Every structure is written in structure tokens, then in C-alpha cells.
Amino acid sequence: MNLTEVFQQEGKRVTIEVPLDEKIKFDYEWKDHPIITLEFQNLEKGKIMLKGWGRVSFPLSCDRCLIPVEEVLSLDFERHLYGPDVSLDEDTKEEQYYLEGYQLDLSLLIQEVLHMYWPTKILCKEDCKGICKKCGKDLNQGACGCDDFVPDVRFANLMDIFNNSQ
């Protein structure tokens, strides 16, 4: 997307809707056809405030019990964008890898935002018990009766001594 006009006209404001389709690359496939709204506002020559918002749903599996889950990300973000004629420190330049000159790579920007909002754990419910490590039963549906004792490996030598003395 070319932002030349927005960068050069003070007070200029542009709002666009970006449909997330096959052009926007991401590690997971979204449900339906979500749209992210982006608003660009010139704050001063060479500086833009980017605001974005939207909701994106992903059909996934619970990290503990593997049942299907729909994860919904509510996006609401802001970024400052700087034109090529503004001198920046190295850190700020690196933060804007999705902007080259006046060209904004929407795919890279949206990828970054989705990764920032991605949860560390996908769970079907907060207290999901997962599956049994031995038999594979979903422990949310009840206990399986398997022995779930896991010995502490730091005491393995003591267990060997104890077992050999009997």
C-alpha cells in the first residue's frame, strides 16, 4: 500500500478495510473472511499514526485435550509510522520492517499484529485437565484409573537402593 499522500499532507486521514484472504500469509487459517480496519492519520510531515482494529476467529485444538476450539482474537493496536526522510535510531528503523519508503506491506504488518495477540496456550476451558499420558482418555470426562505417579528423577538412585534392599 502506498502511503505517500498520507505522509505528505498534514492532517490527512485515510481509513481502509483489509479483508484477510489468501494474500495475507499466516501460520493458521482463519474462520470466515475477517476484516481488519486500518486508519492512517498524518500527525506531522513524515509521521503517521496507524490505528487498527478487528476480530479474527481461528478453528484450533485445545493444547491439553485436543478437542476443537474456536479462538477469537480481538485486535486493537496503534503504531507510529515514519517516512523515509525522517531520521530514526536503529531500533525504531528495525521496528518498522513492514514499511519500506512509502510502501506499507500489509501482509507483514498484519502477521506481526496477529502474532502479538496470539495466546500462549489455547485451552477449551481454563481448568482443562488434558488427556491421560498412559491411556489417552480425556480427563475432563472423568478419571481413567491409570497410575499417574511420576517418580522424581533426582531420587532415582535412592529408589534403586530401596528396591534392591527388599
C-alpha atoms as a PDB file:
ATOM      1  CA  MET A   1       0.000   0.000   0.000  1.00  0.00           C
ATOM      2  CA  ASN A   2       1.388   3.383  -0.997  1.00  0.00           C
ATOM      3  CA  LEU A   3       1.239   5.979   1.826  1.00  0.00           C
ATOM      4  CA  THR A   4       2.958   8.869   0.012  1.00  0.00           C
ATOM      5  CA  GLU A   5      -0.113  11.112   0.090  1.00  0.00           C
ATOM      6  CA  VAL A   6      -0.793  10.480   3.793  1.00  0.00           C
ATOM      7  CA  PHE A   7       2.846  11.123   4.751  1.00  0.00           C
ATOM      8  CA  GLN A   8       2.988  14.416   2.868  1.00  0.00           C
ATOM      9  CA  GLN A   9      -0.364  16.073   3.737  1.00  0.00           C
ATOM     10  CA  GLU A  10      -0.652  17.278   7.312  1.00  0.00           C
ATOM     11  CA  GLY A  11      -3.924  16.231   8.929  1.00  0.00           C
ATOM     12  CA  LYS A  12      -4.701  13.739   6.134  1.00  0.00           C
ATOM     13  CA  ARG A  13      -6.769  10.787   7.376  1.00  0.00           C
ATOM     14  CA  VAL A  14      -7.465   7.596   5.427  1.00  0.00           C
ATOM     15  CA  THR A  15      -9.446   4.581   6.622  1.00  0.00           C
ATOM     16  CA  ILE A  16      -9.371   1.243   4.797  1.00  0.00           C
ATOM     17  CA  GLU A  17     -10.766  -2.214   5.406  1.00  0.00           C
ATOM     18  CA  VAL A  18      -8.380  -5.101   4.781  1.00  0.00           C
ATOM     19  CA  PRO A  19     -10.041  -8.458   4.119  1.00  0.00           C
ATOM     20  CA  LEU A  20      -7.916 -11.308   5.412  1.00  0.00           C
ATOM     21  CA  ASP A  21      -7.665 -13.637   2.452  1.00  0.00           C
ATOM     22  CA  GLU A  22      -5.040 -15.841   0.830  1.00  0.00           C
ATOM     23  CA  LYS A  23      -2.850 -12.780   0.094  1.00  0.00           C
ATOM     24  CA  ILE A  24      -2.270 -12.267   3.845  1.00  0.00           C
ATOM     25  CA  LYS A  25       0.026 -15.114   4.894  1.00  0.00           C
ATOM     26  CA  PHE A  26      -0.315 -16.573   8.394  1.00  0.00           C
ATOM     27  CA  ASP A  27       0.549 -19.891  10.046  1.00  0.00           C
ATOM     28  CA  TYR A  28      -3.118 -20.702  10.767  1.00  0.00           C
ATOM     29  CA  GLU A  29      -6.275 -20.418   8.713  1.00  0.00           C
ATOM     30  CA  TRP A  30      -8.972 -18.067   9.939  1.00  0.00           C
ATOM     31  CA  LYS A  31     -12.668 -18.795  10.053  1.00  0.00           C
ATOM     32  CA  ASP A  32     -14.980 -16.926   7.682  1.00  0.00           C
ATOM     33  CA  HIS A  33     -13.496 -13.859   5.982  1.00  0.00           C
ATOM     34  CA  PRO A  34     -12.490 -11.404   8.709  1.00  0.00           C
ATOM     35  CA  ILE A  35     -11.798  -7.756   8.020  1.00  0.00           C
ATOM     36  CA  ILE A  36      -9.297  -5.566   9.839  1.00  0.00           C
ATOM     37  CA  THR A  37      -9.894  -1.827   9.726  1.00  0.00           C
ATOM     38  CA  LEU A  38      -6.845   0.439   9.459  1.00  0.00           C
ATOM     39  CA  GLU A  39      -6.899   4.200   9.987  1.00  0.00           C
ATOM     40  CA  PHE A  40      -3.909   6.293   8.952  1.00  0.00           C
ATOM     41  CA  GLN A  41      -3.646   9.857  10.258  1.00  0.00           C
ATOM     42  CA  ASN A  42      -0.859  12.280   9.458  1.00  0.00           C
ATOM     43  CA  LEU A  43       0.390  13.807  12.712  1.00  0.00           C
ATOM     44  CA  GLU A  44       3.093  15.913  11.085  1.00  0.00           C
ATOM     45  CA  LYS A  45       5.133  15.743   7.912  1.00  0.00           C
ATOM     46  CA  GLY A  46       6.759  12.325   7.756  1.00  0.00           C
ATOM     47  CA  LYS A  47       4.861  10.866  10.747  1.00  0.00           C
ATOM     48  CA  ILE A  48       1.649   8.829  10.690  1.00  0.00           C
ATOM     49  CA  MET A  49      -0.427   7.349  13.486  1.00  0.00           C
ATOM     50  CA  LEU A  50      -1.788   3.965  12.427  1.00  0.00           C
ATOM     51  CA  LYS A  51      -4.748   2.589  14.362  1.00  0.00           C
ATOM     52  CA  GLY A  52      -6.187  -0.821  13.640  1.00  0.00           C
ATOM     53  CA  TRP A  53      -8.996  -2.985  14.960  1.00  0.00           C
ATOM     54  CA  GLY A  54     -10.969  -6.110  14.141  1.00  0.00           C
ATOM     55  CA  ARG A  55     -11.905  -9.631  15.262  1.00  0.00           C
ATOM     56  CA  VAL A  56     -10.415 -12.800  13.848  1.00  0.00           C
ATOM     57  CA  SER A  57     -11.581 -16.368  14.610  1.00  0.00           C
ATOM     58  CA  PHE A  58      -9.433 -19.460  14.247  1.00  0.00           C
ATOM     59  CA  PRO A  59     -10.607 -23.099  14.418  1.00  0.00           C
ATOM     60  CA  LEU A  60      -7.932 -24.782  16.553  1.00  0.00           C
ATOM     61  CA  SER A  61      -7.443 -27.635  19.021  1.00  0.00           C
ATOM     62  CA  CYS A  62      -7.064 -27.374  22.789  1.00  0.00           C
ATOM     63  CA  ASP A  63      -3.385 -27.681  23.760  1.00  0.00           C
ATOM     64  CA  ARG A  64      -4.237 -30.097  26.590  1.00  0.00           C
ATOM     65  CA  CYS A  65      -7.124 -32.319  25.451  1.00  0.00           C
ATOM     66  CA  LEU A  66      -7.098 -31.736  21.652  1.00  0.00           C
ATOM     67  CA  ILE A  67     -10.843 -31.060  21.310  1.00  0.00           C
ATOM     68  CA  PRO A  68     -11.801 -28.465  18.665  1.00  0.00           C
ATOM     69  CA  VAL A  69     -11.850 -24.879  19.939  1.00  0.00           C
ATOM     70  CA  GLU A  70     -12.660 -21.583  18.277  1.00  0.00           C
ATOM     71  CA  GLU A  71     -10.123 -18.957  19.330  1.00  0.00           C
ATOM     72  CA  VAL A  72     -11.248 -15.346  18.801  1.00  0.00           C
ATOM     73  CA  LEU A  73      -8.677 -12.552  18.778  1.00  0.00           C
ATOM     74  CA  SER A  74      -9.977  -9.028  19.345  1.00  0.00           C
ATOM     75  CA  LEU A  75      -7.400  -6.753  17.795  1.00  0.00           C
ATOM     76  CA  ASP A  76      -6.912  -3.126  18.795  1.00  0.00           C
ATOM     77  CA  PHE A  77      -3.497  -1.652  18.081  1.00  0.00           C
ATOM     78  CA  GLU A  78      -1.579   1.544  17.315  1.00  0.00           C
ATOM     79  CA  ARG A  79       1.719   2.186  15.564  1.00  0.00           C
ATOM     80  CA  HIS A  80       3.703   5.272  14.602  1.00  0.00           C
ATOM     81  CA  LEU A  81       4.988   5.125  11.046  1.00  0.00           C
ATOM     82  CA  TYR A  82       7.813   7.331   9.816  1.00  0.00           C
ATOM     83  CA  GLY A  83       8.566   8.363   6.258  1.00  0.00           C
ATOM     84  CA  PRO A  84      11.933   7.763   4.584  1.00  0.00           C
ATOM     85  CA  ASP A  85      13.014  11.403   5.013  1.00  0.00           C
ATOM     86  CA  VAL A  86      12.759  11.245   8.835  1.00  0.00           C
ATOM     87  CA  SER A  87      15.987  10.297  10.622  1.00  0.00           C
ATOM     88  CA  LEU A  88      15.449   7.462  13.107  1.00  0.00           C
ATOM     89  CA  ASP A  89      17.579   5.478  15.505  1.00  0.00           C
ATOM     90  CA  GLU A  90      18.368   1.874  14.544  1.00  0.00           C
ATOM     91  CA  ASP A  91      15.823   0.310  16.939  1.00  0.00           C
ATOM     92  CA  THR A  92      12.951   2.349  15.510  1.00  0.00           C
ATOM     93  CA  LYS A  93      14.036   1.516  11.946  1.00  0.00           C
ATOM     94  CA  GLU A  94      14.053  -2.202  12.775  1.00  0.00           C
ATOM     95  CA  GLU A  95      10.579  -1.977  14.342  1.00  0.00           C
ATOM     96  CA  GLN A  96       9.234  -0.745  11.012  1.00  0.00           C
ATOM     97  CA  TYR A  97      10.390  -3.638   8.836  1.00  0.00           C
ATOM     98  CA  TYR A  98       6.928  -3.712   7.192  1.00  0.00           C
ATOM     99  CA  LEU A  99       7.454  -0.162   5.847  1.00  0.00           C
ATOM    100  CA  GLU A 100       9.891   0.483   3.004  1.00  0.00           C
ATOM    101  CA  GLY A 101       9.969   4.058   1.841  1.00  0.00           C
ATOM    102  CA  TYR A 102       6.314   4.993   1.463  1.00  0.00           C
ATOM    103  CA  GLN A 103       5.233   1.400   0.791  1.00  0.00           C
ATOM    104  CA  LEU A 104       3.481  -0.481   3.611  1.00  0.00           C
ATOM    105  CA  ASP A 105       3.487  -4.280   3.385  1.00  0.00           C
ATOM    106  CA  LEU A 106       0.038  -5.044   4.804  1.00  0.00           C
ATOM    107  CA  SER A 107       0.749  -8.768   4.999  1.00  0.00           C
ATOM    108  CA  LEU A 108       3.816  -8.288   7.235  1.00  0.00           C
ATOM    109  CA  LEU A 109       2.023  -5.739   9.428  1.00  0.00           C
ATOM    110  CA  ILE A 110      -0.996  -7.994   9.984  1.00  0.00           C
ATOM    111  CA  GLN A 111       1.225 -11.025  10.608  1.00  0.00           C
ATOM    112  CA  GLU A 112       3.047  -9.101  13.345  1.00  0.00           C
ATOM    113  CA  VAL A 113      -0.198  -7.971  14.973  1.00  0.00           C
ATOM    114  CA  LEU A 114      -1.687 -11.485  14.922  1.00  0.00           C
ATOM    115  CA  HIS A 115       1.480 -12.938  16.464  1.00  0.00           C
ATOM    116  CA  MET A 116       1.411 -10.282  19.199  1.00  0.00           C
ATOM    117  CA  TYR A 117      -2.189 -11.124  20.099  1.00  0.00           C
ATOM    118  CA  TRP A 118      -1.724 -14.897  19.816  1.00  0.00           C
ATOM    119  CA  PRO A 119      -2.345 -16.601  23.189  1.00  0.00           C
ATOM    120  CA  THR A 120       0.437 -18.616  24.807  1.00  0.00           C
ATOM    121  CA  LYS A 121      -1.978 -21.515  25.420  1.00  0.00           C
ATOM    122  CA  ILE A 122      -5.093 -22.497  23.511  1.00  0.00           C
ATOM    123  CA  LEU A 123      -7.488 -24.053  26.037  1.00  0.00           C
ATOM    124  CA  CYS A 124     -11.055 -25.316  25.740  1.00  0.00           C
ATOM    125  CA  LYS A 125     -11.641 -24.073  29.290  1.00  0.00           C
ATOM    126  CA  GLU A 126      -9.456 -22.516  31.968  1.00  0.00           C
ATOM    127  CA  ASP A 127      -9.280 -25.689  34.096  1.00  0.00           C
ATOM    128  CA  CYS A 128      -8.869 -28.235  31.263  1.00  0.00           C
ATOM    129  CA  LYS A 129      -7.378 -31.437  32.703  1.00  0.00           C
ATOM    130  CA  GLY A 130      -5.974 -32.702  29.403  1.00  0.00           C
ATOM    131  CA  ILE A 131      -5.581 -36.346  28.428  1.00  0.00           C
ATOM    132  CA  CYS A 132      -4.065 -39.269  30.315  1.00  0.00           C
ATOM    133  CA  LYS A 133      -0.409 -39.793  29.412  1.00  0.00           C
ATOM    134  CA  LYS A 134      -0.868 -43.580  29.545  1.00  0.00           C
ATOM    135  CA  CYS A 135      -4.247 -44.413  28.005  1.00  0.00           C
ATOM    136  CA  GLY A 136      -5.195 -41.164  26.222  1.00  0.00           C
ATOM    137  CA  LYS A 137      -8.608 -40.703  27.889  1.00  0.00           C
ATOM    138  CA  ASP A 138      -9.986 -37.159  28.089  1.00  0.00           C
ATOM    139  CA  LEU A 139      -9.681 -36.424  31.828  1.00  0.00           C
ATOM    140  CA  ASN A 140     -12.361 -33.711  31.588  1.00  0.00           C
ATOM    141  CA  GLN A 141     -14.870 -36.570  31.232  1.00  0.00           C
ATOM    142  CA  GLY A 142     -13.667 -38.347  34.359  1.00  0.00           C
ATOM    143  CA  ALA A 143     -10.712 -40.233  35.789  1.00  0.00           C
ATOM    144  CA  CYS A 144      -9.321 -43.188  33.883  1.00  0.00           C
ATOM    145  CA  GLY A 145      -7.831 -45.148  36.791  1.00  0.00           C
ATOM    146  CA  CYS A 146      -4.286 -45.210  35.447  1.00  0.00           C
ATOM    147  CA  ASP A 147      -1.403 -44.883  37.909  1.00  0.00           C
ATOM    148  CA  ASP A 148      -0.269 -41.274  37.441  1.00  0.00           C
ATOM    149  CA  PHE A 149       2.684 -41.428  39.849  1.00  0.00           C
ATOM    150  CA  VAL A 150       5.771 -39.944  38.232  1.00  0.00           C
ATOM    151  CA  PRO A 151       8.939 -40.522  40.270  1.00  0.00           C
ATOM    152  CA  ASP A 152      11.332 -37.656  40.768  1.00  0.00           C
ATOM    153  CA  VAL A 153      14.434 -38.474  38.702  1.00  0.00           C
ATOM    154  CA  ARG A 154      16.631 -36.746  41.282  1.00  0.00           C
ATOM    155  CA  PHE A 155      15.854 -39.587  43.693  1.00  0.00           C
ATOM    156  CA  ALA A 156      16.259 -42.437  41.175  1.00  0.00           C
ATOM    157  CA  ASN A 157      19.419 -43.754  42.876  1.00  0.00           C
ATOM    158  CA  LEU A 158      17.643 -43.860  46.259  1.00  0.00           C
ATOM    159  CA  MET A 159      14.754 -45.768  44.665  1.00  0.00           C
ATOM    160  CA  ASP A 160      17.228 -48.300  43.229  1.00  0.00           C
ATOM    161  CA  ILE A 161      18.792 -48.814  46.676  1.00  0.00           C
ATOM    162  CA  PHE A 162      15.340 -49.178  48.260  1.00  0.00           C
ATOM    163  CA  ASN A 163      14.131 -51.658  45.611  1.00  0.00           C
ATOM    164  CA  ASN A 164      17.348 -53.760  45.840  1.00  0.00           C
ATOM    165  CA  SER A 165      17.140 -53.998  49.630  1.00  0.00           C
ATOM    166  CA  GLN A 166      13.765 -55.765  49.565  1.00  0.00           C
END
